[in-house]
Amino acid sequence: MQSAVSRSSRFLMALLGLTLGLAALLAVEALRATRSHQVTADRALRDYATVAAWELLTASDEQLQHAAGAVLGPVVGSPAASPYDSIPSAAALARAADSLLPCGAAGDSARFVFSLDLRSGALTSRGAEPPGPLRTWLADTIAREARSLAGPTGRYATVWGPPGTGGAGRVVVYGVKAVRYNGYAVHDAPLAVYGAVSCPAGMTRLVAGVLAHHPLLPAQVAGGLPNARLVALTVSDPSGAVLLRAGPPPGEGAYAGDPAAGPGSMAVRAWLPADVAGRLVVTGPGLRLPVLLGLFVLTAALTAVAGLQVRREQELVRLRHDFTSSVSHELRTPLTQILLYGETLELGRAGGEDGRREAIGVIVQEARRLAHLVENVLHLSRAERRLVRVSPAPVAVAPLLREIVERFAPLAGGDAVRIRTELDESLVATADVDAMHQIVINLLDNAVKYGGTGPIVLRAGLNDGGVRLEVEDRGRGIPPRDRDRIWQPFVRLRSNGATPGSGIGLAVVRELVVAHGGRCLVEPGSDGGSRFVVELPGAARLPLDGGPLPPAAPAPSASSRESPWRAS
């Protein structure tokens, strides 16, 4: 049977181990998938921030191209028929140029339009008079830029004025008037450049207008969020000066995109704030990882509980096996003695009256030993079913303990001479007499079996209004870690394995003591060994003149006699 249980336990533990390993593998794979998903989501969010920056730059450039075409198109939109044609002056742009990158009341006074004849290098302006260095820079830079301007006629470019020329913080928007050869406008042969010089505020106004009306991310990605809540932006001129900050603060954990910048134009940087990124279509994983980790922890906990149950089952099987073996041994010995001396009497081999008396004495002694063992087993059975009942009544302790020692002497045999008593003659306790017999006999029997060869002392005295019984031996002692375990049923210490015993005597003691509302414990002995202590409530000292006993204390109720253990 034990082998079958062991095989079943091993199979169960192996199955639980495989289950735990599978749960761990699933958790690890889920963790890897979650990390991969997170990395992909982070990369996608940063890419979307980059897309938003480029979308703003592209949309702003388209808006600028549209505004520049409305102002410069009538002049540069139609190519010249000949390289020798006359060209219009800057005055042709003066009226319409007010709508191209307006600066507002504070900055429009510095705006002007210009025309540059690339054949002669003559620069004319209308509006605010540009400083000399700025005129020189326009003549040189715009001429050079105009000859490298890519694209067909109608394409307009932007240049930002450099510091030190009076053009710091200026933005120049211009277009090129080309020459027609054989019916085609050839851009590689420009004639003149027409443009407008404005302030950064005009470019800022244009970008702000784009932000207000042009979505930077597709609607299916943005989830309906407007630009003002979706993207944090900075717009800078080519020198790095910030023209515009828009959107919510990026904050910690924001997803930064790559800067977007066109040749000679603005630079745009975009961030997706962490709280906004969680609302986009492309986000990190949800609650799957905590659920999987929780599942793994639950599986591990169940495996641990199952392992403890298996271990407890194995321990219980071992304890029951040891108990059966011990009880069988204890039953066999007295039964053998009773049978032997009974057959001796039956066959008339006792050898006279003295022999018959000796045989009868042995039979009675072994019968008492059997009765004591059976009584312990019955008490254990009643405790398992919570049927232990006691009837406390006032009783003189010293006479009762002497009577118990006398009754125990036949059980102890030759070891009875080792028992010494130290009793308080005036002590009266409230206790069940039969239960006291069982308690003291079990303690004495335990001391005789495991207490070595030294004397055994039985003491009784008053302690805090209760009776304190002590049985002290000179044995090996009990380690501190085992002083609570020995009161449990079927527990026998390894050091006592060679000594016969059932492992239930001290458990019965504890059950009966608790039924009285008391407690029991083990202390180190004064000369080595152990001191088993039982404390019961309701005791007093009476005069030695034979006065009446005190009234009986009420017995503990059934609910208060809760057992400290349950037999499995």
Protein backbone atom coordinates (compact mmCIF):
# COMPACT_ATOMS: atom_id res chain seq x y z
CA MET A 1 0.00 0.00 0.00
CA GLN A 2 2.75 2.40 0.94
CA SER A 3 4.56 1.58 -2.30
CA ALA A 4 1.38 2.33 -4.29
CA VAL A 5 0.94 5.64 -2.49
CA SER A 6 4.57 6.48 -3.16
CA ARG A 7 4.20 5.72 -6.87
CA SER A 8 0.99 7.79 -7.02
CA SER A 9 2.70 10.67 -5.23
CA ARG A 10 5.68 10.58 -7.57
CA PHE A 11 3.38 10.56 -10.59
CA LEU A 12 1.37 13.48 -9.19
CA MET A 13 4.51 15.49 -8.41
CA ALA A 14 5.87 14.81 -11.90
CA LEU A 15 2.56 15.93 -13.42
CA LEU A 16 2.54 19.07 -11.28
CA GLY A 17 6.15 19.78 -12.23
CA LEU A 18 5.29 19.48 -15.93
CA THR A 19 2.28 21.78 -15.43
CA LEU A 20 4.44 24.35 -13.67
CA GLY A 21 7.10 24.09 -16.39
CA LEU A 22 4.47 24.55 -19.11
CA ALA A 23 3.03 27.58 -17.30
CA ALA A 24 6.53 29.04 -16.95
CA LEU A 25 7.22 28.43 -20.66
CA LEU A 26 3.94 30.11 -21.63
CA ALA A 27 4.71 33.04 -19.34
CA VAL A 28 8.19 33.44 -20.85
CA GLU A 29 6.83 33.28 -24.40
CA ALA A 30 4.11 35.77 -23.48
CA LEU A 31 6.75 38.05 -21.99
CA ARG A 32 8.84 37.83 -25.16
CA ALA A 33 5.80 38.50 -27.33
CA THR A 34 4.84 41.43 -25.13
CA ARG A 35 8.32 42.92 -25.33
CA SER A 36 8.38 42.46 -29.10
CA HIS A 37 4.95 44.05 -29.36
CA GLN A 38 6.11 46.90 -27.14
CA VAL A 39 9.25 47.50 -29.23
CA THR A 40 7.18 47.46 -32.43
CA ALA A 41 4.60 49.79 -30.94
CA ASP A 42 7.29 52.19 -29.70
CA ARG A 43 8.94 52.23 -33.12
CA ALA A 44 5.58 52.81 -34.83
CA LEU A 45 4.73 55.68 -32.46
CA ARG A 46 8.09 57.36 -33.10
CA ASP A 47 7.58 56.87 -36.84
CA TYR A 48 4.15 58.49 -36.54
CA ALA A 49 5.76 61.44 -34.75
CA THR A 50 8.22 61.74 -37.65
CA VAL A 51 5.35 61.51 -40.14
CA ALA A 52 3.53 64.30 -38.28
CA ALA A 53 6.60 66.54 -38.50
CA TRP A 54 7.01 65.95 -42.23
CA GLU A 55 3.28 66.38 -42.78
CA LEU A 56 3.39 69.79 -41.12
CA LEU A 57 6.47 70.81 -43.11
CA THR A 58 4.94 69.61 -46.40
CA ALA A 59 1.55 71.17 -45.74
CA SER A 60 3.18 74.47 -44.74
CA ASP A 61 5.27 74.42 -47.91
CA GLU A 62 2.16 73.76 -50.01
CA GLN A 63 0.36 76.61 -48.29
CA LEU A 64 3.34 78.89 -48.90
CA GLN A 65 3.48 77.82 -52.58
CA HIS A 66 -0.19 78.67 -52.92
CA ALA A 67 0.22 82.08 -51.28
CA ALA A 68 3.38 82.85 -53.29
CA GLY A 69 1.69 81.82 -56.53
CA ALA A 70 -1.18 84.21 -55.88
CA VAL A 71 1.27 87.09 -55.38
CA LEU A 72 4.21 86.29 -57.67
CA GLY A 73 2.41 84.26 -60.33
CA PRO A 74 1.16 87.18 -62.41
CA VAL A 75 4.77 88.36 -62.83
CA VAL A 76 6.80 85.14 -63.08
CA GLY A 77 4.07 82.77 -64.27
CA SER A 78 4.46 83.63 -67.96
CA PRO A 79 7.94 83.23 -69.46
CA ALA A 80 9.60 85.96 -71.49
CA ALA A 81 9.65 85.55 -75.25
CA SER A 82 13.25 86.70 -75.59
CA PRO A 83 16.28 87.22 -73.36
CA TYR A 84 16.12 90.87 -74.37
CA ASP A 85 12.56 91.55 -73.24
CA SER A 86 12.03 94.21 -70.62
CA ILE A 87 10.89 93.00 -67.24
CA PRO A 88 8.30 94.54 -64.86
CA SER A 89 9.59 96.48 -61.86
CA ALA A 90 9.03 95.58 -58.17
CA ALA A 91 6.14 98.02 -58.10
CA ALA A 92 4.05 95.40 -59.91
CA LEU A 93 4.08 93.34 -56.69
CA ALA A 94 3.50 96.05 -54.13
CA ARG A 95 -0.28 95.83 -53.78
CA ALA A 96 -0.64 92.01 -53.84
CA ALA A 97 2.41 91.36 -51.63
CA ASP A 98 0.53 92.46 -48.50
CA SER A 99 -1.18 89.01 -48.39
CA LEU A 100 2.12 87.07 -48.51
CA LEU A 101 3.36 86.25 -44.98
CA PRO A 102 1.84 89.30 -43.25
CA CYS A 103 3.62 90.17 -39.98
CA GLY A 104 0.86 92.14 -38.33
CA ALA A 105 0.72 95.80 -37.33
CA ALA A 106 4.03 95.70 -35.44
CA GLY A 107 6.13 94.09 -38.18
CA ASP A 108 4.66 95.04 -41.55
CA SER A 109 6.72 98.24 -41.65
CA ALA A 110 9.86 96.18 -42.27
CA ARG A 111 8.40 94.22 -45.20
CA PHE A 112 9.34 94.98 -48.81
CA VAL A 113 9.23 93.41 -52.28
CA PHE A 114 12.05 93.32 -54.76
CA SER A 115 12.99 92.46 -58.32
CA LEU A 116 16.42 91.34 -59.45
CA ASP A 117 17.45 91.51 -63.12
CA LEU A 118 19.81 88.57 -63.55
CA ARG A 119 21.22 89.99 -66.77
CA SER A 120 22.50 93.18 -65.18
CA GLY A 121 22.37 92.34 -61.47
CA ALA A 122 20.17 95.42 -60.82
CA LEU A 123 18.04 95.12 -57.65
CA THR A 124 14.97 97.32 -57.16
CA SER A 125 12.70 97.28 -54.11
CA ARG A 126 9.37 98.71 -53.05
CA GLY A 127 8.35 99.21 -49.42
CA ALA A 128 10.82 99.44 -46.53
CA GLU A 129 14.29 100.34 -47.71
CA PRO A 130 16.64 97.34 -47.15
CA PRO A 131 20.03 97.98 -45.55
CA GLY A 132 23.05 97.95 -47.85
CA PRO A 133 24.44 94.59 -46.65
CA LEU A 134 21.02 93.04 -47.11
CA ARG A 135 20.79 94.37 -50.67
CA THR A 136 24.21 92.92 -51.44
CA TRP A 137 23.25 89.55 -49.88
CA LEU A 138 20.00 89.48 -51.87
CA ALA A 139 21.78 90.28 -55.10
CA ASP A 140 24.41 87.58 -54.59
CA THR A 141 22.46 84.83 -52.82
CA ILE A 142 19.18 85.08 -54.69
CA ALA A 143 20.95 85.12 -58.03
CA ARG A 144 22.90 82.00 -57.11
CA GLU A 145 19.84 80.24 -55.62
CA ALA A 146 17.64 81.18 -58.60
CA ARG A 147 19.97 79.53 -61.09
CA SER A 148 19.87 76.25 -59.07
CA LEU A 149 16.14 76.30 -58.34
CA ALA A 150 14.75 72.94 -59.45
CA GLY A 151 11.34 72.41 -60.91
CA PRO A 152 9.22 73.93 -63.66
CA THR A 153 8.02 77.52 -63.93
CA GLY A 154 5.66 78.37 -61.10
CA ARG A 155 7.78 76.80 -58.40
CA TYR A 156 8.67 79.16 -55.52
CA ALA A 157 11.46 78.95 -52.98
CA THR A 158 12.23 80.28 -49.49
CA VAL A 159 15.51 81.61 -48.12
CA TRP A 160 16.19 82.83 -44.58
CA GLY A 161 18.36 85.91 -44.14
CA PRO A 162 21.70 85.39 -42.37
CA PRO A 163 22.89 87.47 -39.40
CA GLY A 164 25.28 90.35 -39.94
CA THR A 165 23.49 91.65 -43.03
CA GLY A 166 20.52 93.28 -41.45
CA GLY A 167 18.54 90.28 -42.62
CA ALA A 168 18.74 88.20 -39.48
CA GLY A 169 15.33 86.74 -38.79
CA ARG A 170 14.05 87.70 -42.27
CA VAL A 171 12.39 85.22 -44.60
CA VAL A 172 12.55 85.66 -48.37
CA VAL A 173 9.99 84.09 -50.73
CA TYR A 174 10.82 84.40 -54.42
CA GLY A 175 10.07 83.09 -57.90
CA VAL A 176 12.04 83.02 -61.14
CA LYS A 177 10.94 84.48 -64.50
CA ALA A 178 12.38 82.32 -67.28
CA VAL A 179 12.93 82.69 -71.06
CA ARG A 180 10.86 80.92 -73.72
CA TYR A 181 12.85 79.07 -76.40
CA ASN A 182 11.09 77.45 -79.36
CA GLY A 183 7.75 77.67 -77.58
CA TYR A 184 9.00 76.19 -74.29
CA ALA A 185 9.91 77.92 -71.04
CA VAL A 186 13.48 76.94 -70.25
CA HIS A 187 14.17 77.36 -66.55
CA ASP A 188 17.91 76.99 -66.99
CA ALA A 189 17.91 80.43 -68.64
CA PRO A 190 16.34 82.69 -65.95
CA LEU A 191 15.89 86.38 -66.64
CA ALA A 192 14.79 87.85 -63.34
CA VAL A 193 13.82 87.07 -59.75
CA TYR A 194 10.80 88.56 -57.96
CA GLY A 195 10.24 88.11 -54.26
CA ALA A 196 8.99 89.43 -50.92
CA VAL A 197 10.95 89.84 -47.70
CA SER A 198 8.93 89.33 -44.51
CA CYS A 199 9.45 88.61 -40.79
CA PRO A 200 9.36 85.23 -38.98
CA ALA A 201 5.98 86.11 -37.49
CA GLY A 202 4.49 85.80 -40.95
CA MET A 203 5.85 82.26 -41.29
CA THR A 204 4.62 81.47 -37.78
CA ARG A 205 1.11 82.64 -38.72
CA LEU A 206 1.17 80.42 -41.78
CA VAL A 207 2.28 77.33 -39.82
CA ALA A 208 -0.30 77.99 -37.08
CA GLY A 209 -3.02 78.17 -39.72
CA VAL A 210 -1.91 74.82 -41.14
CA LEU A 211 -1.99 73.28 -37.66
CA ALA A 212 -5.51 74.54 -37.08
CA HIS A 213 -6.99 73.08 -40.26
CA HIS A 214 -4.75 70.27 -41.52
CA PRO A 215 -4.65 66.87 -39.70
CA LEU A 216 -1.10 65.65 -39.23
CA LEU A 217 -1.96 61.94 -38.91
CA PRO A 218 -4.59 59.84 -40.68
CA ALA A 219 -7.95 59.78 -38.96
CA GLN A 220 -7.88 55.99 -38.56
CA VAL A 221 -4.66 56.36 -36.53
CA ALA A 222 -5.36 59.58 -34.62
CA GLY A 223 -8.64 58.25 -33.28
CA GLY A 224 -10.37 61.61 -33.78
CA LEU A 225 -7.90 63.62 -31.67
CA PRO A 226 -7.15 67.15 -32.98
CA ASN A 227 -3.59 68.31 -33.58
CA ALA A 228 -3.67 70.50 -30.45
CA ARG A 229 -4.07 67.39 -28.27
CA LEU A 230 -2.31 64.84 -30.43
CA VAL A 231 1.19 66.13 -31.15
CA ALA A 232 3.70 68.36 -29.37
CA LEU A 233 5.64 70.41 -31.93
CA THR A 234 8.55 72.82 -32.21
CA VAL A 235 9.17 74.78 -35.41
CA SER A 236 12.61 76.38 -35.83
CA ASP A 237 14.27 78.51 -38.47
CA PRO A 238 17.51 77.27 -40.10
CA SER A 239 19.58 78.98 -37.38
CA GLY A 240 17.80 76.99 -34.64
CA ALA A 241 15.68 79.81 -33.25
CA VAL A 242 12.30 78.47 -32.20
CA LEU A 243 9.44 80.06 -34.13
CA LEU A 244 6.54 78.09 -32.69
CA ARG A 245 5.71 75.63 -29.91
CA ALA A 246 2.36 73.90 -30.18
CA GLY A 247 0.40 71.03 -28.70
CA PRO A 248 0.50 69.50 -25.18
CA PRO A 249 3.79 69.35 -23.22
CA PRO A 250 5.71 66.22 -24.25
CA GLY A 251 6.31 65.12 -20.66
CA GLU A 252 8.20 62.04 -19.52
CA GLY A 253 7.95 58.97 -21.74
CA ALA A 254 6.96 60.93 -24.88
CA TYR A 255 7.72 59.32 -28.24
CA ALA A 256 10.09 61.64 -30.19
CA GLY A 257 10.22 61.53 -33.97
CA ASP A 258 13.14 62.43 -36.20
CA PRO A 259 13.50 66.11 -37.15
CA ALA A 260 12.05 67.11 -40.52
CA ALA A 261 13.78 69.90 -42.44
CA GLY A 262 13.73 71.09 -46.05
CA PRO A 263 16.67 72.72 -47.84
CA GLY A 264 16.88 76.35 -46.73
CA SER A 265 13.55 76.07 -44.91
CA MET A 266 12.28 75.40 -41.40
CA ALA A 267 13.00 72.45 -39.11
CA VAL A 268 10.09 70.66 -37.40
CA ARG A 269 10.32 68.24 -34.45
CA ALA A 270 7.27 66.31 -33.16
CA TRP A 271 6.52 64.22 -30.06
CA LEU A 272 3.60 61.97 -29.17
CA PRO A 273 2.95 62.38 -25.38
CA ALA A 274 2.74 59.12 -23.45
CA ASP A 275 -0.86 59.70 -22.30
CA VAL A 276 -1.96 60.44 -25.87
CA ALA A 277 -0.03 57.52 -27.39
CA GLY A 278 -2.12 55.08 -25.35
CA ARG A 279 -5.25 56.25 -27.19
CA LEU A 280 -3.89 55.69 -30.68
CA VAL A 281 -4.62 52.64 -32.77
CA VAL A 282 -0.98 51.51 -32.52
CA THR A 283 -0.36 51.13 -28.80
CA GLY A 284 1.43 48.82 -26.41
CA PRO A 285 -0.09 45.55 -25.18
CA GLY A 286 -3.00 45.66 -22.77
CA LEU A 287 -3.48 43.61 -19.63
CA ARG A 288 -2.46 40.27 -21.09
CA LEU A 289 0.95 40.22 -19.43
CA PRO A 290 -0.39 40.77 -15.87
CA VAL A 291 -3.03 38.11 -16.49
CA LEU A 292 -0.44 35.61 -17.71
CA LEU A 293 1.90 36.40 -14.84
CA GLY A 294 -1.01 36.04 -12.43
CA LEU A 295 -1.86 32.69 -14.01
CA PHE A 296 1.74 31.56 -13.59
CA VAL A 297 1.81 32.66 -9.94
CA LEU A 298 -1.50 30.89 -9.32
CA THR A 299 -0.18 27.72 -10.98
CA ALA A 300 2.98 27.89 -8.89
CA ALA A 301 0.92 28.38 -5.72
CA LEU A 302 -1.35 25.45 -6.57
CA THR A 303 1.70 23.32 -7.32
CA ALA A 304 3.23 24.24 -3.97
CA VAL A 305 -0.03 23.47 -2.15
CA ALA A 306 -0.36 20.16 -3.96
CA GLY A 307 3.26 19.35 -3.10
CA LEU A 308 2.59 20.08 0.56
CA GLN A 309 -0.52 17.92 0.46
CA VAL A 310 1.42 15.07 -1.11
CA ARG A 311 4.13 15.45 1.51
CA ARG A 312 1.50 15.54 4.24
CA GLU A 313 -0.14 12.44 2.81
CA GLN A 314 3.18 10.61 2.80
CA GLU A 315 3.87 11.75 6.36
CA LEU A 316 0.40 10.61 7.43
CA VAL A 317 0.92 7.22 5.81
CA ARG A 318 4.24 6.89 7.59
CA LEU A 319 2.75 7.94 10.94
CA ARG A 320 -0.14 5.50 10.62
CA HIS A 321 2.24 2.77 9.61
CA ASP A 322 4.45 3.49 12.63
CA PHE A 323 1.38 3.66 14.88
CA THR A 324 0.05 0.34 13.63
CA SER A 325 3.45 -1.25 14.08
CA SER A 326 3.91 0.23 17.57
CA VAL A 327 0.42 -0.67 18.78
CA SER A 328 0.75 -4.17 17.39
CA HIS A 329 4.03 -4.58 19.27
CA GLU A 330 2.57 -3.21 22.50
CA LEU A 331 -0.47 -5.46 22.18
CA ARG A 332 1.58 -8.53 21.31
CA THR A 333 3.85 -8.31 24.36
CA PRO A 334 1.16 -8.31 27.11
CA LEU A 335 -1.00 -10.76 25.19
CA THR A 336 1.97 -13.11 24.91
CA GLN A 337 2.56 -12.82 28.65
CA ILE A 338 -1.13 -13.36 29.46
CA LEU A 339 -1.31 -16.36 27.13
CA LEU A 340 1.90 -17.86 28.50
CA TYR A 341 0.93 -17.60 32.17
CA GLY A 342 -2.69 -18.55 31.43
CA GLU A 343 -1.51 -21.77 29.76
CA THR A 344 0.84 -22.35 32.71
CA LEU A 345 -2.13 -22.18 35.10
CA GLU A 346 -4.29 -24.27 32.77
CA LEU A 347 -1.72 -27.04 32.54
CA GLY A 348 -0.97 -26.95 36.28
CA ARG A 349 2.69 -26.01 35.84
CA ALA A 350 2.66 -23.03 38.18
CA GLY A 351 4.79 -24.86 40.77
CA GLY A 352 2.76 -24.46 43.91
CA GLU A 353 0.81 -21.61 45.46
CA ASP A 354 3.63 -19.09 45.03
CA GLY A 355 3.93 -19.93 41.35
CA ARG A 356 0.18 -19.54 40.85
CA ARG A 357 0.22 -16.16 42.64
CA GLU A 358 3.11 -15.00 40.48
CA ALA A 359 1.33 -16.10 37.29
CA ILE A 360 -1.90 -14.40 38.32
CA GLY A 361 0.02 -11.22 39.19
CA VAL A 362 1.68 -11.18 35.77
CA ILE A 363 -1.67 -11.74 34.06
CA VAL A 364 -3.27 -8.89 36.05
CA GLN A 365 -0.33 -6.57 35.37
CA GLU A 366 -0.35 -7.23 31.63
CA ALA A 367 -4.16 -6.92 31.53
CA ARG A 368 -3.86 -3.51 33.14
CA ARG A 369 -1.26 -2.55 30.54
CA LEU A 370 -3.69 -3.61 27.80
CA ALA A 371 -6.51 -1.69 29.46
CA HIS A 372 -4.35 1.44 29.62
CA LEU A 373 -3.43 1.15 25.93
CA VAL A 374 -7.05 0.56 24.92
CA GLU A 375 -8.15 3.55 27.02
CA ASN A 376 -5.64 5.77 25.19
CA VAL A 377 -6.89 4.56 21.81
CA LEU A 378 -10.51 5.21 22.87
CA HIS A 379 -9.61 8.71 24.02
CA LEU A 380 -7.90 9.33 20.69
CA SER A 381 -10.97 8.14 18.82
CA ARG A 382 -13.28 10.35 20.90
CA ALA A 383 -10.97 13.33 20.38
CA GLU A 384 -11.04 12.77 16.62
CA ARG A 385 -14.84 12.96 16.73
CA ARG A 386 -14.80 15.82 19.30
CA LEU A 387 -16.61 13.76 21.89
CA VAL A 388 -14.26 14.36 24.84
CA ARG A 389 -16.26 15.21 27.98
CA VAL A 390 -14.98 16.00 31.48
CA SER A 391 -16.86 16.55 34.77
CA PRO A 392 -14.67 18.70 37.04
CA ALA A 393 -15.27 18.55 40.77
CA PRO A 394 -13.23 19.62 43.83
CA VAL A 395 -10.67 16.99 44.73
CA ALA A 396 -7.70 16.86 47.11
CA VAL A 397 -4.68 16.66 44.83
CA ALA A 398 -2.08 14.91 47.03
CA PRO A 399 -4.18 11.83 47.93
CA LEU A 400 -5.37 11.53 44.33
CA LEU A 401 -1.83 11.58 42.96
CA ARG A 402 -0.62 8.98 45.48
CA GLU A 403 -3.48 6.71 44.44
CA ILE A 404 -2.55 7.20 40.78
CA VAL A 405 1.10 6.34 41.50
CA GLU A 406 -0.02 3.17 43.32
CA ARG A 407 -2.20 2.20 40.36
CA PHE A 408 0.68 2.90 38.00
CA ALA A 409 3.18 0.79 39.96
CA PRO A 410 2.04 -2.55 38.44
CA LEU A 411 2.39 -1.00 34.96
CA ALA A 412 5.86 0.35 35.73
CA GLY A 413 7.08 -2.92 37.24
CA GLY A 414 10.57 -2.51 38.64
CA ASP A 415 10.70 1.12 37.48
CA ALA A 416 8.08 2.07 40.08
CA VAL A 417 10.82 2.51 42.72
CA ARG A 418 12.24 5.41 40.67
CA ILE A 419 9.11 7.56 41.12
CA ARG A 420 9.38 10.21 43.82
CA THR A 421 6.59 12.63 44.81
CA GLU A 422 6.78 16.24 46.04
CA LEU A 423 3.17 17.21 46.77
CA ASP A 424 1.41 20.15 48.40
CA GLU A 425 -0.81 18.42 50.98
CA SER A 426 -3.22 21.35 51.26
CA LEU A 427 -3.88 21.70 47.53
CA VAL A 428 -7.42 21.23 46.23
CA ALA A 429 -8.16 21.37 42.50
CA THR A 430 -11.28 21.33 40.35
CA ALA A 431 -10.74 18.41 37.98
CA ASP A 432 -12.22 15.25 36.56
CA VAL A 433 -10.81 12.34 38.57
CA ASP A 434 -10.82 9.84 35.70
CA ALA A 435 -9.18 12.37 33.39
CA MET A 436 -6.54 13.09 36.05
CA HIS A 437 -5.78 9.35 36.23
CA GLN A 438 -5.29 9.22 32.46
CA ILE A 439 -3.18 12.40 32.38
CA VAL A 440 -0.78 11.44 35.18
CA ILE A 441 -0.45 7.79 34.16
CA ASN A 442 0.41 8.80 30.58
CA LEU A 443 3.01 11.30 31.81
CA LEU A 444 4.56 8.74 34.16
CA ASP A 445 4.51 6.07 31.47
CA ASN A 446 6.26 8.46 29.08
CA ALA A 447 8.90 9.26 31.73
CA VAL A 448 9.52 5.58 32.46
CA LYS A 449 9.94 4.75 28.76
CA TYR A 450 12.06 7.71 27.64
CA GLY A 451 13.35 9.30 30.85
CA GLY A 452 16.54 7.30 31.21
CA THR A 453 17.50 5.42 34.36
CA GLY A 454 17.47 8.34 36.81
CA PRO A 455 14.72 9.20 39.29
CA ILE A 456 11.32 10.45 38.16
CA VAL A 457 9.80 13.27 40.23
CA LEU A 458 6.07 13.99 40.40
CA ARG A 459 5.31 17.45 41.82
CA ALA A 460 2.09 19.32 42.51
CA GLY A 461 1.70 22.91 43.69
CA LEU A 462 -0.34 26.08 43.46
CA ASN A 463 0.43 28.48 40.60
CA ASP A 464 -1.60 31.66 39.83
CA GLY A 465 -4.83 30.25 41.17
CA GLY A 466 -4.40 26.90 39.43
CA VAL A 467 -2.68 23.59 40.01
CA ARG A 468 0.69 22.93 38.37
CA LEU A 469 1.66 19.30 37.89
CA GLU A 470 5.22 18.42 36.92
CA VAL A 471 6.77 15.12 35.86
CA GLU A 472 10.53 15.49 35.62
CA ASP A 473 12.96 12.85 34.33
CA ARG A 474 16.71 12.54 33.72
CA GLY A 475 16.60 11.44 30.10
CA ARG A 476 18.19 12.94 27.01
CA GLY A 477 15.87 15.90 26.93
CA ILE A 478 13.75 17.18 24.06
CA PRO A 479 15.12 19.66 21.49
CA PRO A 480 13.32 23.03 21.50
CA ARG A 481 12.09 22.53 17.92
CA ASP A 482 10.23 19.36 18.97
CA ARG A 483 8.62 20.57 22.21
CA ASP A 484 5.35 21.43 20.45
CA ARG A 485 5.35 18.48 18.04
CA ILE A 486 5.42 15.78 20.70
CA TRP A 487 1.88 16.70 21.82
CA GLN A 488 0.51 15.79 18.39
CA PRO A 489 -0.84 12.27 17.73
CA PHE A 490 1.43 9.58 16.25
CA VAL A 491 4.58 11.74 16.67
CA ARG A 492 7.62 9.93 18.03
CA LEU A 493 11.07 11.43 18.02
CA ARG A 494 13.78 9.69 16.02
CA SER A 495 15.96 9.42 19.12
CA ASN A 496 13.25 7.23 20.70
CA GLY A 497 12.74 4.96 17.72
CA ALA A 498 14.10 1.85 19.44
CA THR A 499 11.81 2.27 22.47
CA PRO A 500 8.30 0.77 22.04
CA GLY A 501 5.45 3.27 22.08
CA SER A 502 2.27 4.20 20.23
CA GLY A 503 2.81 7.96 19.97
CA ILE A 504 -0.64 8.83 21.32
CA GLY A 505 -0.11 9.10 25.08
CA LEU A 506 0.94 12.77 25.15
CA ALA A 507 -1.73 13.65 22.56
CA VAL A 508 -4.37 12.23 24.94
CA VAL A 509 -2.84 14.27 27.78
CA ARG A 510 -3.12 17.48 25.79
CA GLU A 511 -6.70 16.77 24.77
CA LEU A 512 -7.81 16.13 28.36
CA VAL A 513 -5.92 19.18 29.66
CA VAL A 514 -7.50 21.45 27.05
CA ALA A 515 -10.91 20.02 27.92
CA HIS A 516 -10.27 21.33 31.48
CA GLY A 517 -9.34 24.76 30.10
CA GLY A 518 -5.65 24.31 30.96
CA ARG A 519 -2.43 23.97 29.06
CA CYS A 520 0.57 21.64 28.87
CA LEU A 521 4.17 22.28 27.93
CA VAL A 522 7.70 20.89 28.11
CA GLU A 523 10.58 22.61 29.90
CA PRO A 524 14.25 21.67 30.31
CA GLY A 525 14.84 19.61 33.48
CA SER A 526 16.95 20.89 36.38
CA ASP A 527 19.56 18.10 35.90
CA GLY A 528 19.14 17.54 32.16
CA GLY A 529 16.21 15.58 30.92
CA SER A 530 12.75 17.09 30.53
CA ARG A 531 10.03 18.51 32.71
CA PHE A 532 6.47 17.89 31.48
CA VAL A 533 4.13 20.50 32.93
CA VAL A 534 0.33 20.49 33.17
CA GLU A 535 -1.49 23.60 34.42
CA LEU A 536 -5.18 23.39 35.31
CA PRO A 537 -7.35 26.30 36.48
CA GLY A 538 -9.40 26.39 39.68
CA ALA A 539 -7.18 25.40 42.62
CA ALA A 540 -6.69 26.61 46.20
CA ARG A 541 -4.99 25.70 49.47
CA LEU A 542 -7.12 24.56 52.37
CA PRO A 543 -6.22 24.35 56.04
CA LEU A 544 -4.96 20.94 57.12
CA ASP A 545 -7.69 20.69 59.80
CA GLY A 546 -10.02 18.85 57.47
CA GLY A 547 -12.22 21.81 56.47
CA PRO A 548 -14.82 21.38 53.71
CA LEU A 549 -13.77 21.36 50.06
CA PRO A 550 -14.66 24.39 47.92
CA PRO A 551 -17.68 24.18 45.62
CA ALA A 552 -17.13 22.73 42.18
CA ALA A 553 -16.25 25.14 39.39
CA PRO A 554 -18.48 25.01 36.32
CA ALA A 555 -17.23 22.64 33.64
CA PRO A 556 -16.00 24.22 30.40
CA SER A 557 -18.71 24.37 27.76
CA ALA A 558 -18.52 22.22 24.65
CA SER A 559 -17.64 25.24 22.54
CA SER A 560 -14.73 26.14 24.84
CA ARG A 561 -13.24 22.67 24.69
CA GLU A 562 -12.01 23.08 21.14
CA SER A 563 -9.32 20.55 20.40
CA PRO A 564 -5.88 21.94 19.46
CA TRP A 565 -5.54 19.31 16.78
CA ARG A 566 -7.64 17.09 14.56
CA ALA A 567 -6.57 13.60 13.71
CA SER A 568 -6.20 13.12 9.99
